[in-house]
């Protein structure tokens, strides 16, 4: 069952592992926000998790931590997890291209 079917079924009961809650929150926050190509459109206020930054830059967690320590990319904590602002990520991507 996909997410669309799940939210339309008013009698659904969802069992989720605690480690999957941040991913579910991201899915809910971005639900319905996609461009004409089906890519998720995040607004500039949506915190971007470290795992997404790792994927975008194809870098390891250690590299992202090093970038934070050097001030290359500024992160912030939410619930003990590191997140980043989309505009900071996009600015770093522009510098690298």
PDB file of N, CA and C in Angstrom:
ATOM      1  N   UNK A   1       0.852  -1.181   0.000  1.00  0.00           N
ATOM      2  CA  UNK A   1       0.000   0.000   0.000  1.00  0.00           C
ATOM      3  C   UNK A   1       0.895   1.240   0.000  1.00  0.00           C
ATOM      4  N   UNK A   2       0.621   2.179  -0.908  1.00  0.00           N
ATOM      5  CA  UNK A   2       1.419   3.394  -0.933  1.00  0.00           C
ATOM      6  C   UNK A   2       0.824   4.445   0.010  1.00  0.00           C
ATOM      7  N   UNK A   3       1.540   5.556   0.159  1.00  0.00           N
ATOM      8  CA  UNK A   3       1.146   6.585   1.115  1.00  0.00           C
ATOM      9  C   UNK A   3      -0.206   7.197   0.758  1.00  0.00           C
ATOM     10  N   UNK A   4      -0.476   7.402  -0.534  1.00  0.00           N
ATOM     11  CA  UNK A   4      -1.766   7.965  -0.958  1.00  0.00           C
ATOM     12  C   UNK A   4      -2.930   7.090  -0.495  1.00  0.00           C
ATOM     13  N   UNK A   5      -2.807   5.781  -0.706  1.00  0.00           N
ATOM     14  CA  UNK A   5      -3.861   4.858  -0.284  1.00  0.00           C
ATOM     15  C   UNK A   5      -3.993   4.844   1.233  1.00  0.00           C
ATOM     16  N   UNK A   6      -2.879   4.901   1.906  1.00  0.00           N
ATOM     17  CA  UNK A   6      -2.878   4.849   3.357  1.00  0.00           C
ATOM     18  C   UNK A   6      -3.645   6.015   3.979  1.00  0.00           C
ATOM     19  N   UNK A   7      -3.400   7.234   3.483  1.00  0.00           N
ATOM     20  CA  UNK A   7      -4.074   8.382   4.090  1.00  0.00           C
ATOM     21  C   UNK A   7      -5.538   8.483   3.690  1.00  0.00           C
ATOM     22  N   UNK A   8      -5.920   7.854   2.585  1.00  0.00           N
ATOM     23  CA  UNK A   8      -7.315   7.889   2.160  1.00  0.00           C
ATOM     24  C   UNK A   8      -8.161   6.857   2.901  1.00  0.00           C
ATOM     25  N   UNK A   9      -7.528   5.845   3.463  1.00  0.00           N
ATOM     26  CA  UNK A   9      -8.245   4.803   4.201  1.00  0.00           C
ATOM     27  C   UNK A   9      -8.383   5.254   5.654  1.00  0.00           C
ATOM     28  N   UNK A  10      -9.575   5.718   6.025  1.00  0.00           N
ATOM     29  CA  UNK A  10      -9.778   6.283   7.357  1.00  0.00           C
ATOM     30  C   UNK A  10      -9.673   5.248   8.466  1.00  0.00           C
ATOM     31  N   UNK A  11      -9.712   3.971   8.151  1.00  0.00           N
ATOM     32  CA  UNK A  11      -9.638   2.933   9.167  1.00  0.00           C
ATOM     33  C   UNK A  11      -8.251   2.343   9.334  1.00  0.00           C
ATOM     34  N   UNK A  12      -7.227   3.009   8.789  1.00  0.00           N
ATOM     35  CA  UNK A  12      -5.870   2.468   8.840  1.00  0.00           C
ATOM     36  C   UNK A  12      -5.261   2.600  10.228  1.00  0.00           C
ATOM     37  N   UNK A  13      -4.527   1.578  10.595  1.00  0.00           N
ATOM     38  CA  UNK A  13      -3.726   1.582  11.805  1.00  0.00           C
ATOM     39  C   UNK A  13      -2.282   1.434  11.358  1.00  0.00           C
ATOM     40  N   UNK A  14      -1.418   2.311  11.809  1.00  0.00           N
ATOM     41  CA  UNK A  14      -0.033   2.309  11.350  1.00  0.00           C
ATOM     42  C   UNK A  14       0.880   1.890  12.495  1.00  0.00           C
ATOM     43  N   UNK A  15       1.706   0.900  12.232  1.00  0.00           N
ATOM     44  CA  UNK A  15       2.730   0.464  13.177  1.00  0.00           C
ATOM     45  C   UNK A  15       4.060   0.851  12.552  1.00  0.00           C
ATOM     46  N   UNK A  16       4.847   1.639  13.282  1.00  0.00           N
ATOM     47  CA  UNK A  16       6.092   2.145  12.724  1.00  0.00           C
ATOM     48  C   UNK A  16       7.214   2.015  13.755  1.00  0.00           C
ATOM     49  N   UNK A  17       8.393   1.675  13.292  1.00  0.00           N
ATOM     50  CA  UNK A  17       9.566   1.592  14.160  1.00  0.00           C
ATOM     51  C   UNK A  17      10.008   3.007  14.509  1.00  0.00           C
ATOM     52  N   UNK A  18      10.534   3.183  15.707  1.00  0.00           N
ATOM     53  CA  UNK A  18      10.942   4.521  16.147  1.00  0.00           C
ATOM     54  C   UNK A  18      11.992   5.132  15.232  1.00  0.00           C
ATOM     55  N   UNK A  19      12.891   4.329  14.676  1.00  0.00           N
ATOM     56  CA  UNK A  19      13.916   4.881  13.790  1.00  0.00           C
ATOM     57  C   UNK A  19      13.345   5.353  12.451  1.00  0.00           C
ATOM     58  N   UNK A  20      12.109   4.941  12.128  1.00  0.00           N
ATOM     59  CA  UNK A  20      11.472   5.359  10.874  1.00  0.00           C
ATOM     60  C   UNK A  20      10.615   6.613  11.029  1.00  0.00           C
ATOM     61  N   UNK A  21      10.433   7.098  12.244  1.00  0.00           N
ATOM     62  CA  UNK A  21       9.586   8.272  12.481  1.00  0.00           C
ATOM     63  C   UNK A  21      10.104   9.514  11.751  1.00  0.00           C
ATOM     64  N   UNK A  22      11.427   9.831  11.784  1.00  0.00           N
ATOM     65  CA  UNK A  22      11.880  11.019  11.037  1.00  0.00           C
ATOM     66  C   UNK A  22      11.577  10.935   9.545  1.00  0.00           C
ATOM     67  N   UNK A  23      11.728   9.755   8.954  1.00  0.00           N
ATOM     68  CA  UNK A  23      11.432   9.595   7.526  1.00  0.00           C
ATOM     69  C   UNK A  23       9.941   9.790   7.263  1.00  0.00           C
ATOM     70  N   UNK A  24       9.086   9.247   8.143  1.00  0.00           N
ATOM     71  CA  UNK A  24       7.646   9.437   8.001  1.00  0.00           C
ATOM     72  C   UNK A  24       7.288  10.913   8.121  1.00  0.00           C
ATOM     73  N   UNK A  25       7.923  11.602   9.063  1.00  0.00           N
ATOM     74  CA  UNK A  25       7.667  13.036   9.231  1.00  0.00           C
ATOM     75  C   UNK A  25       8.050  13.806   7.969  1.00  0.00           C
ATOM     76  N   UNK A  26       9.152  13.415   7.342  1.00  0.00           N
ATOM     77  CA  UNK A  26       9.577  14.063   6.100  1.00  0.00           C
ATOM     78  C   UNK A  26       8.571  13.798   4.982  1.00  0.00           C
ATOM     79  N   UNK A  27       8.081  12.573   4.906  1.00  0.00           N
ATOM     80  CA  UNK A  27       7.085  12.225   3.881  1.00  0.00           C
ATOM     81  C   UNK A  27       5.817  13.041   4.084  1.00  0.00           C
ATOM     82  N   UNK A  28       5.368  13.139   5.326  1.00  0.00           N
ATOM     83  CA  UNK A  28       4.153  13.896   5.628  1.00  0.00           C
ATOM     84  C   UNK A  28       4.359  15.375   5.321  1.00  0.00           C
ATOM     85  N   UNK A  29       5.525  15.917   5.709  1.00  0.00           N
ATOM     86  CA  UNK A  29       5.795  17.345   5.502  1.00  0.00           C
ATOM     87  C   UNK A  29       5.849  17.708   4.030  1.00  0.00           C
ATOM     88  N   UNK A  30       6.307  16.788   3.190  1.00  0.00           N
ATOM     89  CA  UNK A  30       6.463  17.090   1.772  1.00  0.00           C
ATOM     90  C   UNK A  30       5.341  16.500   0.921  1.00  0.00           C
ATOM     91  N   UNK A  31       4.357  15.854   1.543  1.00  0.00           N
ATOM     92  CA  UNK A  31       3.277  15.204   0.800  1.00  0.00           C
ATOM     93  C   UNK A  31       2.533  16.216  -0.060  1.00  0.00           C
ATOM     94  N   UNK A  32       2.399  15.892  -1.312  1.00  0.00           N
ATOM     95  CA  UNK A  32       1.666  16.756  -2.232  1.00  0.00           C
ATOM     96  C   UNK A  32       2.474  17.895  -2.798  1.00  0.00           C
ATOM     97  N   UNK A  33       3.718  18.018  -2.381  1.00  0.00           N
ATOM     98  CA  UNK A  33       4.569  19.101  -2.872  1.00  0.00           C
ATOM     99  C   UNK A  33       5.565  18.534  -3.867  1.00  0.00           C
ATOM    100  N   UNK A  34       5.163  18.408  -5.114  1.00  0.00           N
ATOM    101  CA  UNK A  34       6.082  17.917  -6.134  1.00  0.00           C
ATOM    102  C   UNK A  34       5.948  18.753  -7.391  1.00  0.00           C
ATOM    103  N   UNK A  35       7.027  18.787  -8.165  1.00  0.00           N
ATOM    104  CA  UNK A  35       6.993  19.538  -9.413  1.00  0.00           C
ATOM    105  C   UNK A  35       6.432  18.665 -10.527  1.00  0.00           C
ATOM    106  N   UNK A  36       6.442  19.174 -11.752  1.00  0.00           N
ATOM    107  CA  UNK A  36       5.836  18.434 -12.855  1.00  0.00           C
ATOM    108  C   UNK A  36       6.587  17.153 -13.192  1.00  0.00           C
ATOM    109  N   UNK A  37       7.817  17.003 -12.691  1.00  0.00           N
ATOM    110  CA  UNK A  37       8.591  15.789 -12.943  1.00  0.00           C
ATOM    111  C   UNK A  37       8.441  14.772 -11.828  1.00  0.00           C
ATOM    112  N   UNK A  38       7.663  15.108 -10.810  1.00  0.00           N
ATOM    113  CA  UNK A  38       7.453  14.191  -9.693  1.00  0.00           C
ATOM    114  C   UNK A  38       8.490  14.310  -8.592  1.00  0.00           C
ATOM    115  N   UNK A  39       9.434  15.240  -8.725  1.00  0.00           N
ATOM    116  CA  UNK A  39      10.429  15.442  -7.686  1.00  0.00           C
ATOM    117  C   UNK A  39       9.818  16.239  -6.549  1.00  0.00           C
ATOM    118  N   UNK A  40      10.160  15.868  -5.335  1.00  0.00           N
ATOM    119  CA  UNK A  40       9.624  16.563  -4.168  1.00  0.00           C
ATOM    120  C   UNK A  40      10.193  17.967  -4.113  1.00  0.00           C
ATOM    121  N   UNK A  41       9.315  18.932  -3.920  1.00  0.00           N
ATOM    122  CA  UNK A  41       9.709  20.315  -3.783  1.00  0.00           C
ATOM    123  C   UNK A  41       9.674  20.664  -2.303  1.00  0.00           C
ATOM    124  N   UNK A  42      10.813  21.032  -1.763  1.00  0.00           N
ATOM    125  CA  UNK A  42      10.883  21.410  -0.353  1.00  0.00           C
ATOM    126  C   UNK A  42      10.946  22.927  -0.277  1.00  0.00           C
ATOM    127  N   UNK A  43      10.207  23.497   0.644  1.00  0.00           N
ATOM    128  CA  UNK A  43      10.321  24.929   0.803  1.00  0.00           C
ATOM    129  C   UNK A  43      11.590  25.220   1.604  1.00  0.00           C
ATOM    130  N   UNK A  44      11.985  26.466   1.618  1.00  0.00           N
ATOM    131  CA  UNK A  44      13.252  26.821   2.259  1.00  0.00           C
ATOM    132  C   UNK A  44      13.186  26.766   3.776  1.00  0.00           C
ATOM    133  N   UNK A  45      12.025  26.557   4.358  1.00  0.00           N
ATOM    134  CA  UNK A  45      11.891  26.446   5.806  1.00  0.00           C
ATOM    135  C   UNK A  45      11.985  24.995   6.288  1.00  0.00           C
ATOM    136  N   UNK A  46      11.833  24.028   5.379  1.00  0.00           N
ATOM    137  CA  UNK A  46      11.853  22.628   5.744  1.00  0.00           C
ATOM    138  C   UNK A  46      13.269  22.205   6.107  1.00  0.00           C
ATOM    139  N   UNK A  47      13.477  21.685   7.333  1.00  0.00           N
ATOM    140  CA  UNK A  47      14.819  21.222   7.687  1.00  0.00           C
ATOM    141  C   UNK A  47      15.188  19.975   6.880  1.00  0.00           C
ATOM    142  N   UNK A  48      16.407  19.964   6.376  1.00  0.00           N
ATOM    143  CA  UNK A  48      16.893  18.854   5.557  1.00  0.00           C
ATOM    144  C   UNK A  48      17.767  17.959   6.427  1.00  0.00           C
ATOM    145  N   UNK A  49      17.426  16.670   6.549  1.00  0.00           N
ATOM    146  CA  UNK A  49      18.223  15.786   7.404  1.00  0.00           C
ATOM    147  C   UNK A  49      19.615  15.528   6.819  1.00  0.00           C
ATOM    148  N   UNK A  50      20.537  15.198   7.701  1.00  0.00           N
ATOM    149  CA  UNK A  50      21.916  14.940   7.304  1.00  0.00           C
ATOM    150  C   UNK A  50      22.000  13.838   6.249  1.00  0.00           C
ATOM    151  N   UNK A  51      21.142  12.831   6.344  1.00  0.00           N
ATOM    152  CA  UNK A  51      21.169  11.738   5.367  1.00  0.00           C
ATOM    153  C   UNK A  51      20.865  12.244   3.956  1.00  0.00           C
ATOM    154  N   UNK A  52      19.980  13.229   3.845  1.00  0.00           N
ATOM    155  CA  UNK A  52      19.658  13.821   2.538  1.00  0.00           C
ATOM    156  C   UNK A  52      20.854  14.603   1.999  1.00  0.00           C
ATOM    157  N   UNK A  53      21.554  15.318   2.872  1.00  0.00           N
ATOM    158  CA  UNK A  53      22.741  16.065   2.461  1.00  0.00           C
ATOM    159  C   UNK A  53      23.815  15.095   1.969  1.00  0.00           C
ATOM    160  N   UNK A  54      23.981  13.982   2.683  1.00  0.00           N
ATOM    161  CA  UNK A  54      24.941  12.959   2.273  1.00  0.00           C
ATOM    162  C   UNK A  54      24.601  12.448   0.876  1.00  0.00           C
ATOM    163  N   UNK A  55      23.322  12.205   0.631  1.00  0.00           N
ATOM    164  CA  UNK A  55      22.887  11.708  -0.669  1.00  0.00           C
ATOM    165  C   UNK A  55      23.104  12.744  -1.766  1.00  0.00           C
ATOM    166  N   UNK A  56      22.742  14.002  -1.498  1.00  0.00           N
ATOM    167  CA  UNK A  56      22.860  15.057  -2.514  1.00  0.00           C
ATOM    168  C   UNK A  56      24.305  15.264  -2.963  1.00  0.00           C
ATOM    169  N   UNK A  57      25.238  15.207  -1.998  1.00  0.00           N
ATOM    170  CA  UNK A  57      26.638  15.451  -2.316  1.00  0.00           C
ATOM    171  C   UNK A  57      27.425  14.165  -2.536  1.00  0.00           C
ATOM    172  N   UNK A  58      26.771  13.013  -2.337  1.00  0.00           N
ATOM    173  CA  UNK A  58      27.431  11.714  -2.451  1.00  0.00           C
ATOM    174  C   UNK A  58      28.666  11.664  -1.552  1.00  0.00           C
ATOM    175  N   UNK A  59      28.481  12.052  -0.284  1.00  0.00           N
ATOM    176  CA  UNK A  59      29.562  12.103   0.704  1.00  0.00           C
ATOM    177  C   UNK A  59      29.177  11.276   1.917  1.00  0.00           C
ATOM    178  N   UNK A  60      30.175  10.891   2.692  1.00  0.00           N
ATOM    179  CA  UNK A  60      29.943  10.120   3.908  1.00  0.00           C
ATOM    180  C   UNK A  60      29.516  11.037   5.045  1.00  0.00           C
ATOM    181  N   UNK A  61      29.003  10.430   6.097  1.00  0.00           N
ATOM    182  CA  UNK A  61      28.622  11.173   7.300  1.00  0.00           C
ATOM    183  C   UNK A  61      29.828  11.934   7.861  1.00  0.00           C
ATOM    184  N   UNK A  62      30.992  11.290   7.848  1.00  0.00           N
ATOM    185  CA  UNK A  62      32.204  11.922   8.378  1.00  0.00           C
ATOM    186  C   UNK A  62      32.556  13.193   7.605  1.00  0.00           C
ATOM    187  N   UNK A  63      32.354  13.177   6.301  1.00  0.00           N
ATOM    188  CA  UNK A  63      32.629  14.365   5.490  1.00  0.00           C
ATOM    189  C   UNK A  63      31.681  15.496   5.861  1.00  0.00           C
ATOM    190  N   UNK A  64      30.413  15.190   6.032  1.00  0.00           N
ATOM    191  CA  UNK A  64      29.431  16.225   6.396  1.00  0.00           C
ATOM    192  C   UNK A  64      29.764  16.794   7.777  1.00  0.00           C
ATOM    193  N   UNK A  65      30.158  15.937   8.713  1.00  0.00           N
ATOM    194  CA  UNK A  65      30.567  16.393  10.053  1.00  0.00           C
ATOM    195  C   UNK A  65      31.780  17.315   9.929  1.00  0.00           C
ATOM    196  N   UNK A  66      32.745  16.942   9.096  1.00  0.00           N
ATOM    197  CA  UNK A  66      33.948  17.767   8.885  1.00  0.00           C
ATOM    198  C   UNK A  66      33.561  19.125   8.301  1.00  0.00           C
ATOM    199  N   UNK A  67      32.636  19.134   7.346  1.00  0.00           N
ATOM    200  CA  UNK A  67      32.173  20.394   6.758  1.00  0.00           C
ATOM    201  C   UNK A  67      31.538  21.281   7.825  1.00  0.00           C
ATOM    202  N   UNK A  68      30.759  20.667   8.729  1.00  0.00           N
ATOM    203  CA  UNK A  68      30.137  21.448   9.810  1.00  0.00           C
ATOM    204  C   UNK A  68      31.201  22.046  10.721  1.00  0.00           C
ATOM    205  N   UNK A  69      32.208  21.249  11.082  1.00  0.00           N
ATOM    206  CA  UNK A  69      33.270  21.727  11.980  1.00  0.00           C
ATOM    207  C   UNK A  69      34.088  22.839  11.343  1.00  0.00           C
ATOM    208  N   UNK A  70      34.285  22.774  10.017  1.00  0.00           N
ATOM    209  CA  UNK A  70      35.042  23.800   9.305  1.00  0.00           C
ATOM    210  C   UNK A  70      34.191  25.023   8.970  1.00  0.00           C
ATOM    211  N   UNK A  71      32.870  24.923   9.179  1.00  0.00           N
ATOM    212  CA  UNK A  71      31.981  26.038   8.870  1.00  0.00           C
ATOM    213  C   UNK A  71      31.565  26.099   7.411  1.00  0.00           C
ATOM    214  N   UNK A  72      31.839  25.048   6.661  1.00  0.00           N
ATOM    215  CA  UNK A  72      31.454  25.003   5.246  1.00  0.00           C
ATOM    216  C   UNK A  72      29.942  24.896   5.116  1.00  0.00           C
ATOM    217  N   UNK A  73      29.339  24.145   6.021  1.00  0.00           N
ATOM    218  CA  UNK A  73      27.893  23.932   6.028  1.00  0.00           C
ATOM    219  C   UNK A  73      27.413  24.002   7.467  1.00  0.00           C
ATOM    220  N   UNK A  74      26.470  24.891   7.739  1.00  0.00           N
ATOM    221  CA  UNK A  74      25.979  25.088   9.103  1.00  0.00           C
ATOM    222  C   UNK A  74      24.772  24.186   9.364  1.00  0.00           C
ATOM    223  N   UNK A  75      24.862  23.382  10.410  1.00  0.00           N
ATOM    224  CA  UNK A  75      23.770  22.504  10.793  1.00  0.00           C
ATOM    225  C   UNK A  75      23.150  22.939  12.110  1.00  0.00           C
ATOM    226  N   UNK A  76      22.022  22.341  12.450  1.00  0.00           N
ATOM    227  CA  UNK A  76      21.352  22.621  13.712  1.00  0.00           C
ATOM    228  C   UNK A  76      20.666  21.359  14.204  1.00  0.00           C
ATOM    229  N   UNK A  77      20.407  21.310  15.498  1.00  0.00           N
ATOM    230  CA  UNK A  77      19.811  20.130  16.126  1.00  0.00           C
ATOM    231  C   UNK A  77      18.298  20.254  16.251  1.00  0.00           C
ATOM    232  N   UNK A  78      17.619  19.167  15.960  1.00  0.00           N
ATOM    233  CA  UNK A  78      16.199  19.015  16.269  1.00  0.00           C
ATOM    234  C   UNK A  78      16.057  17.617  16.841  1.00  0.00           C
ATOM    235  N   UNK A  79      15.688  17.532  18.095  1.00  0.00           N
ATOM    236  CA  UNK A  79      15.500  16.230  18.720  1.00  0.00           C
ATOM    237  C   UNK A  79      16.743  15.362  18.703  1.00  0.00           C
ATOM    238  N   UNK A  80      17.903  15.970  18.836  1.00  0.00           N
ATOM    239  CA  UNK A  80      19.150  15.224  18.860  1.00  0.00           C
ATOM    240  C   UNK A  80      19.680  14.821  17.499  1.00  0.00           C
ATOM    241  N   UNK A  81      19.036  15.253  16.438  1.00  0.00           N
ATOM    242  CA  UNK A  81      19.494  14.930  15.078  1.00  0.00           C
ATOM    243  C   UNK A  81      19.931  16.214  14.376  1.00  0.00           C
ATOM    244  N   UNK A  82      20.867  16.065  13.457  1.00  0.00           N
ATOM    245  CA  UNK A  82      21.401  17.203  12.723  1.00  0.00           C
ATOM    246  C   UNK A  82      20.573  17.453  11.459  1.00  0.00           C
ATOM    247  N   UNK A  83      20.219  18.715  11.260  1.00  0.00           N
ATOM    248  CA  UNK A  83      19.493  19.144  10.063  1.00  0.00           C
ATOM    249  C   UNK A  83      20.177  20.371   9.481  1.00  0.00           C
ATOM    250  N   UNK A  84      19.820  20.679   8.236  1.00  0.00           N
ATOM    251  CA  UNK A  84      20.411  21.799   7.531  1.00  0.00           C
ATOM    252  C   UNK A  84      19.317  22.607   6.844  1.00  0.00           C
ATOM    253  N   UNK A  85      19.613  23.875   6.560  1.00  0.00           N
ATOM    254  CA  UNK A  85      18.683  24.724   5.809  1.00  0.00           C
ATOM    255  C   UNK A  85      18.903  24.496   4.317  1.00  0.00           C
ATOM    256  N   UNK A  86      17.822  24.418   3.568  1.00  0.00           N
ATOM    257  CA  UNK A  86      17.890  24.167   2.136  1.00  0.00           C
ATOM    258  C   UNK A  86      18.707  25.233   1.421  1.00  0.00           C
ATOM    259  N   UNK A  87      18.549  26.498   1.795  1.00  0.00           N
ATOM    260  CA  UNK A  87      19.292  27.554   1.096  1.00  0.00           C
ATOM    261  C   UNK A  87      20.800  27.411   1.295  1.00  0.00           C
ATOM    262  N   UNK A  88      21.237  26.891   2.453  1.00  0.00           N
ATOM    263  CA  UNK A  88      22.665  26.661   2.681  1.00  0.00           C
ATOM    264  C   UNK A  88      23.181  25.533   1.784  1.00  0.00           C
ATOM    265  N   UNK A  89      22.372  24.488   1.643  1.00  0.00           N
ATOM    266  CA  UNK A  89      22.750  23.357   0.786  1.00  0.00           C
ATOM    267  C   UNK A  89      22.839  23.810  -0.668  1.00  0.00           C
ATOM    268  N   UNK A  90      21.837  24.567  -1.107  1.00  0.00           N
ATOM    269  CA  UNK A  90      21.821  25.044  -2.492  1.00  0.00           C
ATOM    270  C   UNK A  90      22.980  25.990  -2.773  1.00  0.00           C
ATOM    271  N   UNK A  91      23.333  26.833  -1.794  1.00  0.00           N
ATOM    272  CA  UNK A  91      24.460  27.748  -1.976  1.00  0.00           C
ATOM    273  C   UNK A  91      25.771  26.973  -2.135  1.00  0.00           C
ATOM    274  N   UNK A  92      25.947  25.919  -1.343  1.00  0.00           N
ATOM    275  CA  UNK A  92      27.155  25.089  -1.459  1.00  0.00           C
ATOM    276  C   UNK A  92      27.181  24.349  -2.796  1.00  0.00           C
ATOM    277  N   UNK A  93      26.016  23.892  -3.260  1.00  0.00           N
ATOM    278  CA  UNK A  93      25.949  23.232  -4.564  1.00  0.00           C
ATOM    279  C   UNK A  93      26.324  24.204  -5.683  1.00  0.00           C
ATOM    280  N   UNK A  94      25.894  25.452  -5.578  1.00  0.00           N
ATOM    281  CA  UNK A  94      26.223  26.454  -6.590  1.00  0.00           C
ATOM    282  C   UNK A  94      27.729  26.732  -6.610  1.00  0.00           C
ATOM    283  N   UNK A  95      28.346  26.772  -5.436  1.00  0.00           N
ATOM    284  CA  UNK A  95      29.790  27.018  -5.350  1.00  0.00           C
ATOM    285  C   UNK A  95      30.578  25.871  -5.972  1.00  0.00           C
ATOM    286  N   UNK A  96      30.050  24.644  -5.862  1.00  0.00           N
ATOM    287  CA  UNK A  96      30.749  23.481  -6.391  1.00  0.00           C
ATOM    288  C   UNK A  96      30.563  23.312  -7.891  1.00  0.00           C
ATOM    289  N   UNK A  97      29.584  24.018  -8.483  1.00  0.00           N
ATOM    290  CA  UNK A  97      29.359  23.883  -9.930  1.00  0.00           C
ATOM    291  C   UNK A  97      29.966  25.018 -10.619  1.00  0.00           C
TER     292      UNK A  97
END
